[in-house]
C-alpha atoms as a PDB file:
ATOM      1  CA  MET A   1       0.105  -0.109   0.172  1.00  0.00           C
ATOM      2  CA  ARG A   2       1.375   3.516  -1.240  1.00  0.00           C
ATOM      3  CA  MET A   3       1.384   6.372   1.888  1.00  0.00           C
ATOM      4  CA  VAL A   4       0.494   9.795   0.779  1.00  0.00           C
ATOM      5  CA  PRO A   5       2.085  12.541   2.011  1.00  0.00           C
ATOM      6  CA  PRO A   6       0.039  15.148   4.756  1.00  0.00           C
ATOM      7  CA  VAL A   7      -1.372  18.001   2.811  1.00  0.00           C
ATOM      8  CA  ARG A   8       1.174  20.446   4.327  1.00  0.00           C
ATOM      9  CA  ILE A   9      -1.304  24.128   4.670  1.00  0.00           C
ATOM     10  CA  PRO A  10       0.818  27.457   4.939  1.00  0.00           C
ATOM     11  CA  THR A  11       1.650  28.879   8.535  1.00  0.00           C
ATOM     12  CA  LEU A  12       0.101  32.768   8.418  1.00  0.00           C
ATOM     13  CA  ALA A  13       4.409  33.928   7.716  1.00  0.00           C
ATOM     14  CA  GLN A  14       4.598  31.397   5.021  1.00  0.00           C
ATOM     15  CA  ARG A  15       1.515  33.103   3.365  1.00  0.00           C
ATOM     16  CA  ALA A  16       3.012  36.908   3.769  1.00  0.00           C
ATOM     17  CA  MET A  17       6.180  35.850   2.108  1.00  0.00           C
ATOM     18  CA  GLU A  18       3.875  34.134  -0.677  1.00  0.00           C
ATOM     19  CA  LEU A  19       2.401  37.508  -0.983  1.00  0.00           C
ATOM     20  CA  ARG A  20       5.484  39.669  -0.456  1.00  0.00           C
ATOM     21  CA  ALA A  21       6.993  38.046  -2.974  1.00  0.00           C
ATOM     22  CA  LEU A  22       4.218  39.302  -5.726  1.00  0.00           C
ATOM     23  CA  ASN A  23       5.588  42.371  -5.972  1.00  0.00           C
ATOM     24  CA  PHE A  24       2.410  44.103  -6.431  1.00  0.00           C
ATOM     25  CA  PRO A  25       3.003  47.900  -6.769  1.00  0.00           C
ATOM     26  CA  ASP A  26       1.253  50.242  -3.254  1.00  0.00           C
ATOM     27  CA  ALA A  27       0.876  46.744  -1.175  1.00  0.00           C
ATOM     28  CA  ARG A  28       1.170  45.696   2.153  1.00  0.00           C
ATOM     29  CA  VAL A  29       1.427  43.086   3.971  1.00  0.00           C
ATOM     30  CA  ARG A  30       1.193  43.018   8.419  1.00  0.00           C
ATOM     31  CA  LEU A  31       0.947  40.029   9.949  1.00  0.00           C
ATOM     32  CA  SER A  32       0.143  40.593  14.012  1.00  0.00           C
ATOM     33  CA  GLN A  33       1.434  38.711  16.529  1.00  0.00           C
ATOM     34  CA  GLY A  34       1.253  35.079  14.377  1.00  0.00           C
ATOM     35  CA  ARG A  35      -2.647  35.734  14.731  1.00  0.00           C
ATOM     36  CA  GLU A  36      -3.637  37.698  11.453  1.00  0.00           C
ATOM     37  CA  LEU A  37      -2.624  38.162   7.827  1.00  0.00           C
ATOM     38  CA  ARG A  38      -3.673  41.657   6.245  1.00  0.00           C
ATOM     39  CA  PHE A  39      -3.100  42.083   2.672  1.00  0.00           C
ATOM     40  CA  ASP A  40      -4.153  45.340   1.508  1.00  0.00           C
ATOM     41  CA  PHE A  41      -3.626  45.757  -2.395  1.00  0.00           C
ATOM     42  CA  SER A  42      -4.872  47.241  -5.597  1.00  0.00           C
ATOM     43  CA  ILE A  43      -6.735  45.381  -8.480  1.00  0.00           C
ATOM     44  CA  ALA A  44      -7.989  46.401 -11.897  1.00  0.00           C
ATOM     45  CA  PRO A  45      -9.722  43.737 -13.747  1.00  0.00           C
ATOM     46  CA  THR A  46      -9.581  45.037 -16.892  1.00  0.00           C
ATOM     47  CA  VAL A  47      -7.076  47.324 -18.745  1.00  0.00           C
ATOM     48  CA  PHE A  48     -10.589  49.899 -19.194  1.00  0.00           C
ATOM     49  CA  SER A  49     -11.282  49.217 -15.269  1.00  0.00           C
ATOM     50  CA  ARG A  50     -11.246  51.576 -12.527  1.00  0.00           C
ATOM     51  CA  LEU A  51      -8.784  50.750  -9.679  1.00  0.00           C
ATOM     52  CA  TYR A  52     -10.093  49.086  -6.753  1.00  0.00           C
ATOM     53  CA  ARG A  53      -8.699  49.098  -2.957  1.00  0.00           C
ATOM     54  CA  CYS A  54      -8.715  45.355  -1.541  1.00  0.00           C
ATOM     55  CA  LYS A  55      -8.018  43.834   1.636  1.00  0.00           C
ATOM     56  CA  LEU A  56      -6.882  40.322   1.712  1.00  0.00           C
ATOM     57  CA  LEU A  57      -7.792  38.839   5.505  1.00  0.00           C
ATOM     58  CA  LEU A  58      -6.081  35.167   7.169  1.00  0.00           C
ATOM     59  CA  THR A  59      -6.481  33.968  10.001  1.00  0.00           C
ATOM     60  CA  PRO A  60      -5.602  31.069  11.146  1.00  0.00           C
ATOM     61  CA  MET A  61      -8.080  27.649  10.923  1.00  0.00           C
ATOM     62  CA  ARG A  62     -10.338  29.970   9.104  1.00  0.00           C
ATOM     63  CA  SER A  63     -11.179  30.464   5.201  1.00  0.00           C
ATOM     64  CA  PRO A  64     -10.053  34.119   3.805  1.00  0.00           C
ATOM     65  CA  VAL A  65     -12.175  36.759   3.677  1.00  0.00           C
ATOM     66  CA  MET A  66     -12.135  39.621   0.828  1.00  0.00           C
ATOM     67  CA  PHE A  67     -12.920  42.919   1.124  1.00  0.00           C
ATOM     68  CA  VAL A  68     -13.502  45.789  -1.450  1.00  0.00           C
ATOM     69  CA  VAL A  69     -12.495  48.537   0.372  1.00  0.00           C
ATOM     70  CA  LYS A  70     -12.743  51.821  -2.178  1.00  0.00           C
ATOM     71  CA  PRO A  71     -14.273  53.116  -4.002  1.00  0.00           C
ATOM     72  CA  ASP A  72     -17.636  52.335  -1.831  1.00  0.00           C
ATOM     73  CA  LEU A  73     -19.519  49.278  -3.930  1.00  0.00           C
ATOM     74  CA  CYS A  74     -23.089  50.628  -3.021  1.00  0.00           C
ATOM     75  CA  SER A  75     -22.304  53.872  -3.820  1.00  0.00           C
ATOM     76  CA  LEU A  76     -21.449  52.548  -7.400  1.00  0.00           C
ATOM     77  CA  ALA A  77     -23.944  50.138  -7.592  1.00  0.00           C
ATOM     78  CA  ASP A  78     -26.494  53.001  -7.108  1.00  0.00           C
ATOM     79  CA  GLY A  79     -29.173  51.924  -4.321  1.00  0.00           C
ATOM     80  CA  ARG A  80     -29.342  48.590  -5.772  1.00  0.00           C
ATOM     81  CA  PRO A  81     -28.536  45.398  -4.031  1.00  0.00           C
ATOM     82  CA  LEU A  82     -25.143  43.920  -4.152  1.00  0.00           C
ATOM     83  CA  PRO A  83     -24.948  40.472  -5.538  1.00  0.00           C
ATOM     84  CA  HIS A  84     -22.316  37.787  -4.534  1.00  0.00           C
ATOM     85  CA  VAL A  85     -21.575  39.551  -1.327  1.00  0.00           C
ATOM     86  CA  TYR A  86     -21.636  38.785   2.300  1.00  0.00           C
ATOM     87  CA  HIS A  87     -23.520  41.296   5.198  1.00  0.00           C
ATOM     88  CA  HIS A  88     -20.867  41.861   7.736  1.00  0.00           C
ATOM     89  CA  HIS A  89     -20.657  44.476  10.346  1.00  0.00           C
ATOM     90  CA  GLY A  90     -17.966  47.155   9.124  1.00  0.00           C
ATOM     91  CA  PRO A  91     -16.370  49.046   6.420  1.00  0.00           C
ATOM     92  CA  GLY A  92     -15.508  47.695   2.489  1.00  0.00           C
ATOM     93  CA  THR A  93     -17.769  44.959   0.841  1.00  0.00           C
ATOM     94  CA  CYS A  94     -17.029  41.257   1.354  1.00  0.00           C
ATOM     95  CA  LEU A  95     -16.683  39.334  -1.803  1.00  0.00           C
ATOM     96  CA  CYS A  96     -18.556  35.720  -2.260  1.00  0.00           C
ATOM     97  CA  LEU A  97     -15.873  34.531  -4.159  1.00  0.00           C
ATOM     98  CA  TRP A  98     -16.518  30.800  -4.096  1.00  0.00           C
ATOM     99  CA  LEU A  99     -19.050  27.997  -2.661  1.00  0.00           C
ATOM    100  CA  PRO A 100     -17.901  26.998   0.606  1.00  0.00           C
ATOM    101  CA  ARG A 101     -20.017  23.260   0.609  1.00  0.00           C
ATOM    102  CA  LYS A 102     -18.484  22.344  -2.906  1.00  0.00           C
ATOM    103  CA  ASN A 103     -15.037  22.893  -1.120  1.00  0.00           C
ATOM    104  CA  GLU A 104     -13.449  25.138  -3.932  1.00  0.00           C
ATOM    105  CA  TRP A 105     -11.098  26.368  -1.551  1.00  0.00           C
ATOM    106  CA  GLN A 106      -8.352  24.429   0.337  1.00  0.00           C
ATOM    107  CA  SER A 107      -6.236  26.033   2.834  1.00  0.00           C
ATOM    108  CA  GLN A 108      -2.819  24.540   0.503  1.00  0.00           C
ATOM    109  CA  MET A 109      -3.915  26.452  -2.279  1.00  0.00           C
ATOM    110  CA  ARG A 110      -2.122  29.631  -3.713  1.00  0.00           C
ATOM    111  CA  LEU A 111      -3.909  32.528  -2.948  1.00  0.00           C
ATOM    112  CA  LEU A 112      -2.513  34.178  -6.189  1.00  0.00           C
ATOM    113  CA  GLU A 113      -4.663  31.741  -8.006  1.00  0.00           C
ATOM    114  CA  THR A 114      -7.523  31.477  -6.002  1.00  0.00           C
ATOM    115  CA  TYR A 115      -8.208  34.576  -3.692  1.00  0.00           C
ATOM    116  CA  LEU A 116      -6.795  37.085  -5.952  1.00  0.00           C
ATOM    117  CA  ALA A 117      -7.395  35.580  -9.309  1.00  0.00           C
ATOM    118  CA  TRP A 118     -11.420  35.382  -8.401  1.00  0.00           C
ATOM    119  CA  THR A 119     -11.135  38.912  -7.092  1.00  0.00           C
ATOM    120  CA  GLY A 120     -10.331  40.302 -10.239  1.00  0.00           C
ATOM    121  CA  GLU A 121     -12.636  37.969 -11.953  1.00  0.00           C
ATOM    122  CA  TRP A 122     -15.340  38.941  -9.219  1.00  0.00           C
ATOM    123  CA  LEU A 123     -14.645  42.846 -10.492  1.00  0.00           C
ATOM    124  CA  ASN A 124     -15.220  42.221 -13.668  1.00  0.00           C
ATOM    125  CA  TYR A 125     -18.607  40.688 -13.689  1.00  0.00           C
ATOM    126  CA  PHE A 126     -19.418  43.671 -11.037  1.00  0.00           C
ATOM    127  CA  GLU A 127     -18.571  45.745 -13.316  1.00  0.00           C
ATOM    128  CA  GLU A 128     -20.857  44.340 -16.097  1.00  0.00           C
ATOM    129  CA  TRP A 129     -23.713  43.878 -13.802  1.00  0.00           C
ATOM    130  CA  LEU A 130     -23.441  48.044 -12.954  1.00  0.00           C
ATOM    131  CA  ALA A 131     -23.993  48.588 -17.019  1.00  0.00           C
ATOM    132  CA  THR A 132     -26.415  45.373 -17.657  1.00  0.00           C
ATOM    133  CA  ASP A 133     -28.168  44.356 -14.294  1.00  0.00           C
ATOM    134  CA  GLU A 134     -27.227  40.454 -15.227  1.00  0.00           C
ATOM    135  CA  TRP A 135     -25.015  39.122 -12.943  1.00  0.00           C
ATOM    136  CA  ALA A 136     -22.745  36.982 -15.820  1.00  0.00           C
ATOM    137  CA  GLY A 137     -20.755  35.455 -13.203  1.00  0.00           C
ATOM    138  CA  GLY A 138     -23.121  32.349 -12.156  1.00  0.00           C
ATOM    139  CA  GLY A 139     -22.195  31.326  -8.866  1.00  0.00           C
ATOM    140  CA  GLU A 140     -25.065  30.977  -6.080  1.00  0.00           C
ATOM    141  CA  HIS A 141     -26.398  34.469  -4.260  1.00  0.00           C
ATOM    142  CA  PRO A 142     -25.416  34.348   0.290  1.00  0.00           C
ATOM    143  CA  PRO A 143     -28.827  34.736   1.964  1.00  0.00           C
ATOM    144  CA  LEU A 144     -29.747  37.679   3.409  1.00  0.00           C
ATOM    145  CA  PRO A 145     -29.384  37.467   6.528  1.00  0.00           C
ATOM    146  CA  LYS A 146     -32.914  36.785   8.792  1.00  0.00           C
ATOM    147  CA  THR A 147     -33.558  40.359  10.097  1.00  0.00           C
ATOM    148  CA  ARG A 148     -32.528  41.784   6.685  1.00  0.00           C
ATOM    149  CA  ARG A 149     -35.224  39.143   5.452  1.00  0.00           C
ATOM    150  CA  ARG A 150     -38.003  39.873   7.246  1.00  0.00           C
ATOM    151  CA  ALA A 151     -37.564  43.595   6.703  1.00  0.00           C
ATOM    152  CA  ALA A 152     -37.176  42.918   2.483  1.00  0.00           C
ATOM    153  CA  THR A 153     -40.395  41.152   3.042  1.00  0.00           C
ATOM    154  CA  ARG A 154     -42.004  43.766   4.738  1.00  0.00           C
ATOM    155  CA  ALA A 155     -40.850  46.470   2.074  1.00  0.00           C
ATOM    156  CA  VAL A 156     -42.148  43.853  -0.430  1.00  0.00           C
ATOM    157  CA  ASN A 157     -45.599  43.274   0.936  1.00  0.00           C
ATOM    158  CA  PRO A 158     -46.584  45.750   3.518  1.00  0.00           C
END
């Protein structure tokens, strides 16, 4: 019987080295006492796109979380509810980049090939959605939190 070597999950320090090696202009990598890694960077999904300021947060034993910090996506959407985002309390917009129950993300995957690429793709679909009001990125929209769902139902059925 052939033994399969265990999958090594990168530490936050190794992730910091991975992100620094990308040499993104105007990017900043901050490792806080081995408990949290923040990667602030700018990205434009196409050569004709605006520049977006993003923040990737990594903590041990949790999936990474991606935020678009600037510009304010809600303002760009002009009052329309944003597609494929998670609602959270804090600055920026938290992007829905993958479907957890389908295991599209695994901890040993490279961030450039997953989270950073998925962010560029998401922003490209977002810009298309701004123009057409159609989300072409597929996937499933995260459900609204119960309190927001009730408020949305009341607004439709007063």
